[in-house]
Amino acid sequence: MSVITAGSSPALPKGPTMTSKYHLPNDAPEHDRLEEQSDAIIAVMGGKVTHAPLPPSINRAIDVGCGTGTTTVHLGQKFPTALVYGIDLNEVPTTHQKPANVSYIKGDVLELTNKDERLQAKSLDYVYSRLIPLGMDNWNGYINTAFNLLKPGAWAEIQELDFVFYDKNSERIDSDWKWLQEVRKTAHKKGLDMNSGSHSLSYLQEAGFADVTTTQYVWPLGRWQEHPEGNLMAKHSTETWPDIFCHLTQAMLHKTHSEEEIKPLLEEIRRTLVPGEEGKHMKFFVTLGRKPQ
């Protein structure tokens, strides 16, 4: 962990059901995967769910791109007197028993801010989001919206991953991965940021946040003796990520590439994401910013 301060083959299957502009499945198996991934992320972060230095009591908070609502419910339980909103492009599944102070909003936070009575300017004590790069096509707009929603002195926390792959020596190993090149190219055209983790610091700075810092974690794709905190993530990634990246590649490219063009890319995913390679990893970033008084 490190802290950075500001300044420093056969016919392709049709694939799972996807809704809205989110590029991964929206079904029960995906909800289960998200729950497992959440547990693995918390383990990677040494048991932390959030990092912002919030006071013991807050009034309103929002979890943007809340998925299954696991962090929304955590915030509701941690701050029982606060109103906690989870917002997502899709309906939030009934995975968790929802505390009375938690409610969900279906929609796009950029479109609903100042239209939904729960999302008014200078009304929130905390804006949180985690892993929304496949549904967020306007990062500057999102961070500016978060800034406007927060009260003076309140915190934003952005937890994001860079889609860049490294070996155990932190040398990039993905420069010639054609599948990743094609996905990144298409993502850029859609306004998606596949490096939203490392870019979050500049997004927050440009929006006017103060005290901006980034904490960096290792996201292992195989067991790594040097990072035992990543064992759960290594297991999760080994079991799920080849399939997830195949789904993502199909979802991103099916309108611009033929089945014959996509097939070798899927085969390449299976070769490049060989399960269990020690030291192969990505980087996960937690970026904090405070709205000035």
C-alpha atoms as a PDB file:
ATOM      1  CA  MET A   1       0.000   0.000   0.000  1.00  0.00           C
ATOM      2  CA  SER A   2       1.254   3.494  -0.780  1.00  0.00           C
ATOM      3  CA  VAL A   3      -0.161   6.973  -0.310  1.00  0.00           C
ATOM      4  CA  ILE A   4       0.150   9.706  -2.913  1.00  0.00           C
ATOM      5  CA  THR A   5      -0.598  13.277  -1.997  1.00  0.00           C
ATOM      6  CA  ALA A   6      -1.808  15.953  -4.358  1.00  0.00           C
ATOM      7  CA  GLY A   7       1.008  17.249  -6.489  1.00  0.00           C
ATOM      8  CA  SER A   8       3.074  14.389  -6.130  1.00  0.00           C
ATOM      9  CA  SER A   9     -13.618 -19.704 -31.691  1.00  0.00           C
ATOM     10  CA  PRO A  10     -17.090 -21.430 -32.434  1.00  0.00           C
ATOM     11  CA  ALA A  11     -20.032 -19.116 -32.820  1.00  0.00           C
ATOM     12  CA  LEU A  12     -19.994 -16.626 -29.999  1.00  0.00           C
ATOM     13  CA  PRO A  13     -22.636 -16.949 -27.298  1.00  0.00           C
ATOM     14  CA  LYS A  14     -25.108 -14.122 -27.044  1.00  0.00           C
ATOM     15  CA  GLY A  15     -23.821 -13.397 -23.569  1.00  0.00           C
ATOM     16  CA  PRO A  16     -25.622 -12.453 -20.371  1.00  0.00           C
ATOM     17  CA  THR A  17     -28.376  -9.930 -20.003  1.00  0.00           C
ATOM     18  CA  MET A  18     -27.115  -6.372 -19.769  1.00  0.00           C
ATOM     19  CA  THR A  19     -29.212  -3.315 -19.123  1.00  0.00           C
ATOM     20  CA  SER A  20     -28.773   0.462 -19.340  1.00  0.00           C
ATOM     21  CA  LYS A  21     -25.271   1.601 -20.319  1.00  0.00           C
ATOM     22  CA  TYR A  22     -23.543  -0.758 -17.911  1.00  0.00           C
ATOM     23  CA  HIS A  23     -21.322  -3.226 -19.771  1.00  0.00           C
ATOM     24  CA  LEU A  24     -21.471  -6.252 -17.485  1.00  0.00           C
ATOM     25  CA  PRO A  25     -24.344  -8.619 -16.696  1.00  0.00           C
ATOM     26  CA  ASN A  26     -27.232  -7.651 -14.428  1.00  0.00           C
ATOM     27  CA  ASP A  27     -28.386 -10.995 -13.107  1.00  0.00           C
ATOM     28  CA  ALA A  28     -28.175 -13.185 -10.000  1.00  0.00           C
ATOM     29  CA  PRO A  29     -24.756 -14.739 -10.784  1.00  0.00           C
ATOM     30  CA  GLU A  30     -23.304 -11.267 -11.333  1.00  0.00           C
ATOM     31  CA  HIS A  31     -24.814 -10.068  -8.055  1.00  0.00           C
ATOM     32  CA  ASP A  32     -23.129 -12.999  -6.299  1.00  0.00           C
ATOM     33  CA  ARG A  33     -19.828 -12.138  -8.002  1.00  0.00           C
ATOM     34  CA  LEU A  34     -20.101  -8.519  -6.871  1.00  0.00           C
ATOM     35  CA  GLU A  35     -20.666  -9.641  -3.281  1.00  0.00           C
ATOM     36  CA  GLU A  36     -17.582 -11.865  -3.374  1.00  0.00           C
ATOM     37  CA  GLN A  37     -15.574  -9.109  -5.010  1.00  0.00           C
ATOM     38  CA  SER A  38     -16.609  -6.662  -2.300  1.00  0.00           C
ATOM     39  CA  ASP A  39     -15.350  -8.991   0.421  1.00  0.00           C
ATOM     40  CA  ALA A  40     -12.077  -9.406  -1.485  1.00  0.00           C
ATOM     41  CA  ILE A  41     -11.598  -5.655  -1.906  1.00  0.00           C
ATOM     42  CA  ILE A  42     -12.140  -5.068   1.798  1.00  0.00           C
ATOM     43  CA  ALA A  43      -9.520  -7.729   2.547  1.00  0.00           C
ATOM     44  CA  VAL A  44      -7.066  -6.063   0.138  1.00  0.00           C
ATOM     45  CA  MET A  45      -7.610  -2.787   2.023  1.00  0.00           C
ATOM     46  CA  GLY A  46      -6.796  -4.389   5.361  1.00  0.00           C
ATOM     47  CA  GLY A  47     -10.407  -4.671   6.488  1.00  0.00           C
ATOM     48  CA  LYS A  48     -11.386  -1.103   5.666  1.00  0.00           C
ATOM     49  CA  VAL A  49     -14.603  -0.385   3.800  1.00  0.00           C
ATOM     50  CA  THR A  50     -14.107   3.373   3.603  1.00  0.00           C
ATOM     51  CA  HIS A  51     -11.201   5.731   4.267  1.00  0.00           C
ATOM     52  CA  ALA A  52     -12.654   9.241   4.571  1.00  0.00           C
ATOM     53  CA  PRO A  53     -12.174  10.831   8.031  1.00  0.00           C
ATOM     54  CA  LEU A  54     -15.885  11.231   8.697  1.00  0.00           C
ATOM     55  CA  PRO A  55     -17.183  12.484  12.062  1.00  0.00           C
ATOM     56  CA  PRO A  56     -19.042  10.038  14.323  1.00  0.00           C
ATOM     57  CA  SER A  57     -22.357  11.409  13.123  1.00  0.00           C
ATOM     58  CA  ILE A  58     -23.396  12.610   9.651  1.00  0.00           C
ATOM     59  CA  ASN A  59     -26.766  13.570   8.224  1.00  0.00           C
ATOM     60  CA  ARG A  60     -26.778  12.436   4.582  1.00  0.00           C
ATOM     61  CA  ALA A  61     -24.581  10.243   2.406  1.00  0.00           C
ATOM     62  CA  ILE A  62     -24.773   8.680  -1.042  1.00  0.00           C
ATOM     63  CA  ASP A  63     -23.255   5.538  -2.556  1.00  0.00           C
ATOM     64  CA  VAL A  64     -23.019   6.127  -6.322  1.00  0.00           C
ATOM     65  CA  GLY A  65     -23.202   3.008  -8.490  1.00  0.00           C
ATOM     66  CA  CYS A  66     -24.211   1.026  -5.418  1.00  0.00           C
ATOM     67  CA  GLY A  67     -24.645  -2.325  -7.216  1.00  0.00           C
ATOM     68  CA  THR A  68     -26.007  -4.824  -4.691  1.00  0.00           C
ATOM     69  CA  GLY A  69     -26.100  -2.176  -1.963  1.00  0.00           C
ATOM     70  CA  THR A  70     -23.449  -3.797   0.220  1.00  0.00           C
ATOM     71  CA  THR A  71     -21.636  -0.528   1.011  1.00  0.00           C
ATOM     72  CA  THR A  72     -24.894   1.418   1.182  1.00  0.00           C
ATOM     73  CA  VAL A  73     -26.101  -0.916   3.921  1.00  0.00           C
ATOM     74  CA  HIS A  74     -22.729  -0.695   5.682  1.00  0.00           C
ATOM     75  CA  LEU A  75     -22.996   3.102   5.764  1.00  0.00           C
ATOM     76  CA  GLY A  76     -26.577   2.903   6.989  1.00  0.00           C
ATOM     77  CA  GLN A  77     -25.506   0.663   9.848  1.00  0.00           C
ATOM     78  CA  LYS A  78     -22.423   2.735  10.684  1.00  0.00           C
ATOM     79  CA  PHE A  79     -24.431   5.989  10.726  1.00  0.00           C
ATOM     80  CA  PRO A  80     -27.885   4.948  11.994  1.00  0.00           C
ATOM     81  CA  THR A  81     -29.151   8.524  12.331  1.00  0.00           C
ATOM     82  CA  ALA A  82     -28.129   9.488   8.793  1.00  0.00           C
ATOM     83  CA  LEU A  83     -30.145   9.220   5.606  1.00  0.00           C
ATOM     84  CA  VAL A  84     -28.127   7.029   3.238  1.00  0.00           C
ATOM     85  CA  TYR A  85     -28.977   6.771  -0.448  1.00  0.00           C
ATOM     86  CA  GLY A  86     -27.725   4.187  -2.895  1.00  0.00           C
ATOM     87  CA  ILE A  87     -28.067   5.151  -6.550  1.00  0.00           C
ATOM     88  CA  ASP A  88     -27.554   2.826  -9.497  1.00  0.00           C
ATOM     89  CA  LEU A  89     -28.409   2.641 -13.191  1.00  0.00           C
ATOM     90  CA  ASN A  90     -30.229  -0.639 -12.474  1.00  0.00           C
ATOM     91  CA  GLU A  91     -32.670  -1.790  -9.831  1.00  0.00           C
ATOM     92  CA  VAL A  92     -30.795  -2.735  -6.666  1.00  0.00           C
ATOM     93  CA  PRO A  93     -31.406  -6.429  -5.879  1.00  0.00           C
ATOM     94  CA  THR A  94     -32.784  -7.507  -2.521  1.00  0.00           C
ATOM     95  CA  THR A  95     -29.463  -9.040  -1.519  1.00  0.00           C
ATOM     96  CA  HIS A  96     -29.253  -7.296   1.855  1.00  0.00           C
ATOM     97  CA  GLN A  97     -31.798  -6.486   4.511  1.00  0.00           C
ATOM     98  CA  LYS A  98     -32.056  -2.735   4.259  1.00  0.00           C
ATOM     99  CA  PRO A  99     -31.924  -0.584   7.407  1.00  0.00           C
ATOM    100  CA  ALA A 100     -34.765   1.910   7.757  1.00  0.00           C
ATOM    101  CA  ASN A 101     -32.423   4.834   7.080  1.00  0.00           C
ATOM    102  CA  VAL A 102     -31.324   3.441   3.683  1.00  0.00           C
ATOM    103  CA  SER A 103     -33.182   3.997   0.419  1.00  0.00           C
ATOM    104  CA  TYR A 104     -32.337   3.336  -3.221  1.00  0.00           C
ATOM    105  CA  ILE A 105     -32.630   5.535  -6.278  1.00  0.00           C
ATOM    106  CA  LYS A 106     -32.661   4.166  -9.821  1.00  0.00           C
ATOM    107  CA  GLY A 107     -31.062   6.446 -12.368  1.00  0.00           C
ATOM    108  CA  ASP A 108     -28.034   8.506 -13.329  1.00  0.00           C
ATOM    109  CA  VAL A 109     -26.704  10.794 -10.614  1.00  0.00           C
ATOM    110  CA  LEU A 110     -25.752  13.410 -13.216  1.00  0.00           C
ATOM    111  CA  GLU A 111     -29.308  13.549 -14.531  1.00  0.00           C
ATOM    112  CA  LEU A 112     -31.089  13.447 -11.168  1.00  0.00           C
ATOM    113  CA  THR A 113     -29.039  15.973  -9.207  1.00  0.00           C
ATOM    114  CA  ASN A 114     -31.165  19.022  -8.333  1.00  0.00           C
ATOM    115  CA  LYS A 115     -34.213  17.246  -9.804  1.00  0.00           C
ATOM    116  CA  ASP A 116     -34.638  14.544  -7.169  1.00  0.00           C
ATOM    117  CA  GLU A 117     -35.373  16.137  -3.780  1.00  0.00           C
ATOM    118  CA  ARG A 118     -32.838  13.810  -2.171  1.00  0.00           C
ATOM    119  CA  LEU A 119     -30.062  15.069  -4.430  1.00  0.00           C
ATOM    120  CA  GLN A 120     -29.919  18.798  -3.840  1.00  0.00           C
ATOM    121  CA  ALA A 121     -26.843  21.013  -3.914  1.00  0.00           C
ATOM    122  CA  LYS A 122     -24.866  21.309  -0.667  1.00  0.00           C
ATOM    123  CA  SER A 123     -27.006  18.664   1.042  1.00  0.00           C
ATOM    124  CA  LEU A 124     -24.606  15.734   1.527  1.00  0.00           C
ATOM    125  CA  ASP A 125     -21.907  14.984   4.082  1.00  0.00           C
ATOM    126  CA  TYR A 126     -20.327  12.183   2.055  1.00  0.00           C
ATOM    127  CA  VAL A 127     -20.217  11.017  -1.559  1.00  0.00           C
ATOM    128  CA  TYR A 128     -18.816   7.528  -2.106  1.00  0.00           C
ATOM    129  CA  SER A 129     -18.352   5.353  -5.173  1.00  0.00           C
ATOM    130  CA  ARG A 130     -16.474   2.178  -6.011  1.00  0.00           C
ATOM    131  CA  LEU A 131     -15.716   0.566  -9.351  1.00  0.00           C
ATOM    132  CA  ILE A 132     -18.017   2.451 -11.709  1.00  0.00           C
ATOM    133  CA  PRO A 133     -15.773   2.775 -14.812  1.00  0.00           C
ATOM    134  CA  LEU A 134     -18.050   0.631 -16.984  1.00  0.00           C
ATOM    135  CA  GLY A 135     -21.098   2.783 -16.295  1.00  0.00           C
ATOM    136  CA  MET A 136     -19.589   6.269 -15.986  1.00  0.00           C
ATOM    137  CA  ASP A 137     -19.084   8.047 -19.303  1.00  0.00           C
ATOM    138  CA  ASN A 138     -18.530  11.569 -17.930  1.00  0.00           C
ATOM    139  CA  TRP A 139     -15.986  11.566 -15.135  1.00  0.00           C
ATOM    140  CA  ASN A 140     -15.467  15.311 -14.985  1.00  0.00           C
ATOM    141  CA  GLY A 141     -19.223  15.780 -14.870  1.00  0.00           C
ATOM    142  CA  TYR A 142     -19.551  13.198 -12.106  1.00  0.00           C
ATOM    143  CA  ILE A 143     -16.837  14.670  -9.899  1.00  0.00           C
ATOM    144  CA  ASN A 144     -18.215  18.188 -10.414  1.00  0.00           C
ATOM    145  CA  THR A 145     -21.653  16.872  -9.471  1.00  0.00           C
ATOM    146  CA  ALA A 146     -20.222  15.300  -6.319  1.00  0.00           C
ATOM    147  CA  PHE A 147     -18.585  18.602  -5.459  1.00  0.00           C
ATOM    148  CA  ASN A 148     -21.886  20.460  -5.878  1.00  0.00           C
ATOM    149  CA  LEU A 149     -23.836  17.919  -3.812  1.00  0.00           C
ATOM    150  CA  LEU A 150     -21.474  18.136  -0.850  1.00  0.00           C
ATOM    151  CA  LYS A 151     -21.692  20.595   1.999  1.00  0.00           C
ATOM    152  CA  PRO A 152     -18.605  22.735   2.589  1.00  0.00           C
ATOM    153  CA  GLY A 153     -16.083  20.663   4.522  1.00  0.00           C
ATOM    154  CA  ALA A 154     -17.610  17.333   3.430  1.00  0.00           C
ATOM    155  CA  TRP A 155     -15.742  14.432   1.796  1.00  0.00           C
ATOM    156  CA  ALA A 156     -15.803  12.511  -1.473  1.00  0.00           C
ATOM    157  CA  GLU A 157     -14.233   9.046  -1.710  1.00  0.00           C
ATOM    158  CA  ILE A 158     -13.547   7.396  -5.067  1.00  0.00           C
ATOM    159  CA  GLN A 159     -12.370   3.769  -5.152  1.00  0.00           C
ATOM    160  CA  GLU A 160     -11.274   2.739  -8.642  1.00  0.00           C
ATOM    161  CA  LEU A 161      -9.110   0.302 -10.586  1.00  0.00           C
ATOM    162  CA  ASP A 162      -6.766   0.874 -13.511  1.00  0.00           C
ATOM    163  CA  PHE A 163      -7.170  -1.676 -16.303  1.00  0.00           C
ATOM    164  CA  VAL A 164      -3.400  -2.093 -16.557  1.00  0.00           C
ATOM    165  CA  PHE A 165      -1.612  -5.365 -15.844  1.00  0.00           C
ATOM    166  CA  TYR A 166       1.783  -5.747 -14.155  1.00  0.00           C
ATOM    167  CA  ASP A 167       4.178  -8.516 -13.169  1.00  0.00           C
ATOM    168  CA  LYS A 168       5.608  -8.960  -9.670  1.00  0.00           C
ATOM    169  CA  ASN A 169       8.247  -6.329 -10.449  1.00  0.00           C
ATOM    170  CA  SER A 170       5.556  -3.789 -11.386  1.00  0.00           C
ATOM    171  CA  GLU A 171       6.577  -3.932 -15.040  1.00  0.00           C
ATOM    172  CA  ARG A 172       3.705  -3.632 -17.523  1.00  0.00           C
ATOM    173  CA  ILE A 173       2.947  -6.884 -19.298  1.00  0.00           C
ATOM    174  CA  ASP A 174      -0.112  -5.909 -21.357  1.00  0.00           C
ATOM    175  CA  SER A 175       1.363  -3.674 -24.053  1.00  0.00           C
ATOM    176  CA  ASP A 176       0.825  -6.249 -26.799  1.00  0.00           C
ATOM    177  CA  TRP A 177      -2.524  -7.627 -25.634  1.00  0.00           C
ATOM    178  CA  LYS A 178      -4.743  -6.947 -28.622  1.00  0.00           C
ATOM    179  CA  TRP A 179      -7.987  -7.687 -26.765  1.00  0.00           C
ATOM    180  CA  LEU A 180      -7.187  -5.028 -24.189  1.00  0.00           C
ATOM    181  CA  GLN A 181      -6.140  -2.546 -26.856  1.00  0.00           C
ATOM    182  CA  GLU A 182      -9.479  -3.004 -28.640  1.00  0.00           C
ATOM    183  CA  VAL A 183     -11.480  -2.712 -25.414  1.00  0.00           C
ATOM    184  CA  ARG A 184      -9.617   0.420 -24.339  1.00  0.00           C
ATOM    185  CA  LYS A 185     -10.049   1.985 -27.780  1.00  0.00           C
ATOM    186  CA  THR A 186     -13.797   1.345 -27.776  1.00  0.00           C
ATOM    187  CA  ALA A 187     -14.128   2.459 -24.157  1.00  0.00           C
ATOM    188  CA  HIS A 188     -12.452   5.760 -24.997  1.00  0.00           C
ATOM    189  CA  LYS A 189     -14.947   6.354 -27.823  1.00  0.00           C
ATOM    190  CA  LYS A 190     -17.782   5.744 -25.343  1.00  0.00           C
ATOM    191  CA  GLY A 191     -16.324   8.236 -22.858  1.00  0.00           C
ATOM    192  CA  LEU A 192     -15.281   5.519 -20.399  1.00  0.00           C
ATOM    193  CA  ASP A 193     -12.013   5.868 -18.493  1.00  0.00           C
ATOM    194  CA  MET A 194     -10.178   2.559 -18.087  1.00  0.00           C
ATOM    195  CA  ASN A 195      -7.585   4.317 -15.888  1.00  0.00           C
ATOM    196  CA  SER A 196     -10.093   5.999 -13.595  1.00  0.00           C
ATOM    197  CA  GLY A 197      -8.141   4.803 -10.558  1.00  0.00           C
ATOM    198  CA  SER A 198      -4.981   6.812 -11.178  1.00  0.00           C
ATOM    199  CA  HIS A 199      -6.917   9.644 -12.841  1.00  0.00           C
ATOM    200  CA  SER A 200      -9.208  10.241  -9.854  1.00  0.00           C
ATOM    201  CA  LEU A 201      -6.651  12.430  -8.108  1.00  0.00           C
ATOM    202  CA  SER A 202      -6.566  14.927 -10.992  1.00  0.00           C
ATOM    203  CA  TYR A 203     -10.348  14.759 -11.414  1.00  0.00           C
ATOM    204  CA  LEU A 204     -10.827  15.829  -7.799  1.00  0.00           C
ATOM    205  CA  GLN A 205      -8.152  18.493  -7.958  1.00  0.00           C
ATOM    206  CA  GLU A 206      -9.636  20.006 -11.114  1.00  0.00           C
ATOM    207  CA  ALA A 207     -13.107  20.086  -9.546  1.00  0.00           C
ATOM    208  CA  GLY A 208     -11.799  22.199  -6.656  1.00  0.00           C
ATOM    209  CA  PHE A 209     -11.419  19.625  -3.888  1.00  0.00           C
ATOM    210  CA  ALA A 210      -8.838  20.242  -1.179  1.00  0.00           C
ATOM    211  CA  ASP A 211      -6.681  17.780   0.790  1.00  0.00           C
ATOM    212  CA  VAL A 212      -6.716  15.339  -2.122  1.00  0.00           C
ATOM    213  CA  THR A 213      -4.811  12.100  -1.459  1.00  0.00           C
ATOM    214  CA  THR A 214      -4.624   8.692  -3.077  1.00  0.00           C
ATOM    215  CA  THR A 215      -3.895   5.389  -1.364  1.00  0.00           C
ATOM    216  CA  GLN A 216      -2.769   2.642  -3.720  1.00  0.00           C
ATOM    217  CA  TYR A 217      -3.351  -1.087  -3.197  1.00  0.00           C
ATOM    218  CA  VAL A 218      -2.297  -4.216  -5.062  1.00  0.00           C
ATOM    219  CA  TRP A 219      -5.111  -6.186  -6.773  1.00  0.00           C
ATOM    220  CA  PRO A 220      -3.517  -9.635  -7.286  1.00  0.00           C
ATOM    221  CA  LEU A 221      -4.633 -11.967 -10.071  1.00  0.00           C
ATOM    222  CA  GLY A 222      -2.951 -14.934  -8.418  1.00  0.00           C
ATOM    223  CA  ARG A 223      -1.653 -15.798  -4.958  1.00  0.00           C
ATOM    224  CA  TRP A 224       1.331 -13.666  -4.035  1.00  0.00           C
ATOM    225  CA  GLN A 225       3.410 -14.450  -0.964  1.00  0.00           C
ATOM    226  CA  GLU A 226       4.346 -10.797  -0.533  1.00  0.00           C
ATOM    227  CA  HIS A 227       0.684  -9.758  -0.361  1.00  0.00           C
ATOM    228  CA  PRO A 228      -1.259 -12.231   1.801  1.00  0.00           C
ATOM    229  CA  GLU A 229      -4.021  -9.635   2.205  1.00  0.00           C
ATOM    230  CA  GLY A 230      -4.764 -10.308  -1.464  1.00  0.00           C
ATOM    231  CA  ASN A 231      -5.352 -14.058  -1.156  1.00  0.00           C
ATOM    232  CA  LEU A 232      -9.128 -13.723  -1.276  1.00  0.00           C
ATOM    233  CA  MET A 233      -8.883 -11.390  -4.268  1.00  0.00           C
ATOM    234  CA  ALA A 234      -6.486 -13.787  -5.989  1.00  0.00           C
ATOM    235  CA  LYS A 235      -8.979 -16.615  -5.570  1.00  0.00           C
ATOM    236  CA  HIS A 236     -11.856 -14.446  -6.766  1.00  0.00           C
ATOM    237  CA  SER A 237      -9.938 -13.126  -9.777  1.00  0.00           C
ATOM    238  CA  THR A 238      -8.681 -16.566 -10.751  1.00  0.00           C
ATOM    239  CA  GLU A 239     -12.211 -17.974 -10.717  1.00  0.00           C
ATOM    240  CA  THR A 240     -14.079 -15.115 -12.373  1.00  0.00           C
ATOM    241  CA  TRP A 241     -11.975 -12.620 -14.297  1.00  0.00           C
ATOM    242  CA  PRO A 242     -11.307 -14.542 -17.536  1.00  0.00           C
ATOM    243  CA  ASP A 243     -15.061 -14.972 -17.959  1.00  0.00           C
ATOM    244  CA  ILE A 244     -15.765 -11.374 -16.952  1.00  0.00           C
ATOM    245  CA  PHE A 245     -13.279  -9.975 -19.459  1.00  0.00           C
ATOM    246  CA  CYS A 246     -14.722 -12.213 -22.171  1.00  0.00           C
ATOM    247  CA  HIS A 247     -18.197 -10.848 -21.401  1.00  0.00           C
ATOM    248  CA  LEU A 248     -16.858  -7.305 -21.321  1.00  0.00           C
ATOM    249  CA  THR A 249     -15.053  -7.687 -24.634  1.00  0.00           C
ATOM    250  CA  GLN A 250     -18.156  -9.057 -26.332  1.00  0.00           C
ATOM    251  CA  ALA A 251     -20.340  -6.334 -24.876  1.00  0.00           C
ATOM    252  CA  MET A 252     -17.961  -3.575 -25.901  1.00  0.00           C
ATOM    253  CA  LEU A 253     -17.133  -4.816 -29.396  1.00  0.00           C
ATOM    254  CA  HIS A 254     -20.211  -6.610 -30.747  1.00  0.00           C
ATOM    255  CA  LYS A 255     -21.439  -3.529 -32.657  1.00  0.00           C
ATOM    256  CA  THR A 256     -18.108  -2.736 -34.291  1.00  0.00           C
ATOM    257  CA  HIS A 257     -16.469  -6.149 -34.705  1.00  0.00           C
ATOM    258  CA  SER A 258     -17.611  -9.358 -36.395  1.00  0.00           C
ATOM    259  CA  GLU A 259     -17.764 -12.706 -34.615  1.00  0.00           C
ATOM    260  CA  GLU A 260     -14.694 -13.759 -36.604  1.00  0.00           C
ATOM    261  CA  GLU A 261     -12.807 -10.730 -35.278  1.00  0.00           C
ATOM    262  CA  ILE A 262     -13.927 -11.198 -31.679  1.00  0.00           C
ATOM    263  CA  LYS A 263     -13.212 -14.929 -31.456  1.00  0.00           C
ATOM    264  CA  PRO A 264      -9.378 -14.659 -31.408  1.00  0.00           C
ATOM    265  CA  LEU A 265      -9.614 -11.831 -28.867  1.00  0.00           C
ATOM    266  CA  LEU A 266     -11.524 -14.103 -26.491  1.00  0.00           C
ATOM    267  CA  GLU A 267      -8.950 -16.827 -27.015  1.00  0.00           C
ATOM    268  CA  GLU A 268      -6.217 -14.305 -26.233  1.00  0.00           C
ATOM    269  CA  ILE A 269      -7.959 -13.364 -22.979  1.00  0.00           C
ATOM    270  CA  ARG A 270      -7.745 -16.989 -21.857  1.00  0.00           C
ATOM    271  CA  ARG A 271      -4.035 -17.049 -22.690  1.00  0.00           C
ATOM    272  CA  THR A 272      -3.072 -13.739 -21.112  1.00  0.00           C
ATOM    273  CA  LEU A 273      -5.158 -14.108 -17.967  1.00  0.00           C
ATOM    274  CA  VAL A 274      -3.695 -17.481 -17.028  1.00  0.00           C
ATOM    275  CA  PRO A 275      -4.969 -18.201 -13.505  1.00  0.00           C
ATOM    276  CA  GLY A 276      -2.598 -18.306 -10.595  1.00  0.00           C
ATOM    277  CA  GLU A 277       0.494 -16.565 -11.943  1.00  0.00           C
ATOM    278  CA  GLU A 278       2.262 -15.239  -8.839  1.00  0.00           C
ATOM    279  CA  GLY A 279       2.834 -11.514  -8.900  1.00  0.00           C
ATOM    280  CA  LYS A 280       0.517 -10.671 -11.789  1.00  0.00           C
ATOM    281  CA  HIS A 281      -1.570  -7.769 -10.572  1.00  0.00           C
ATOM    282  CA  MET A 282      -3.470  -4.572 -11.192  1.00  0.00           C
ATOM    283  CA  LYS A 283      -3.548  -1.420  -9.067  1.00  0.00           C
ATOM    284  CA  PHE A 284      -6.517  -0.226  -7.010  1.00  0.00           C
ATOM    285  CA  PHE A 285      -6.759   3.391  -5.866  1.00  0.00           C
ATOM    286  CA  VAL A 286      -8.710   5.077  -3.060  1.00  0.00           C
ATOM    287  CA  THR A 287      -8.845   8.831  -3.614  1.00  0.00           C
ATOM    288  CA  LEU A 288     -10.191  11.300  -1.064  1.00  0.00           C
ATOM    289  CA  GLY A 289     -11.039  14.957  -1.416  1.00  0.00           C
ATOM    290  CA  ARG A 290     -12.635  17.523   0.885  1.00  0.00           C
ATOM    291  CA  LYS A 291     -14.852  20.331  -0.325  1.00  0.00           C
ATOM    292  CA  PRO A 292     -13.339  23.576   0.991  1.00  0.00           C
ATOM    293  CA  GLN A 293     -15.216  25.499   3.676  1.00  0.00           C
END
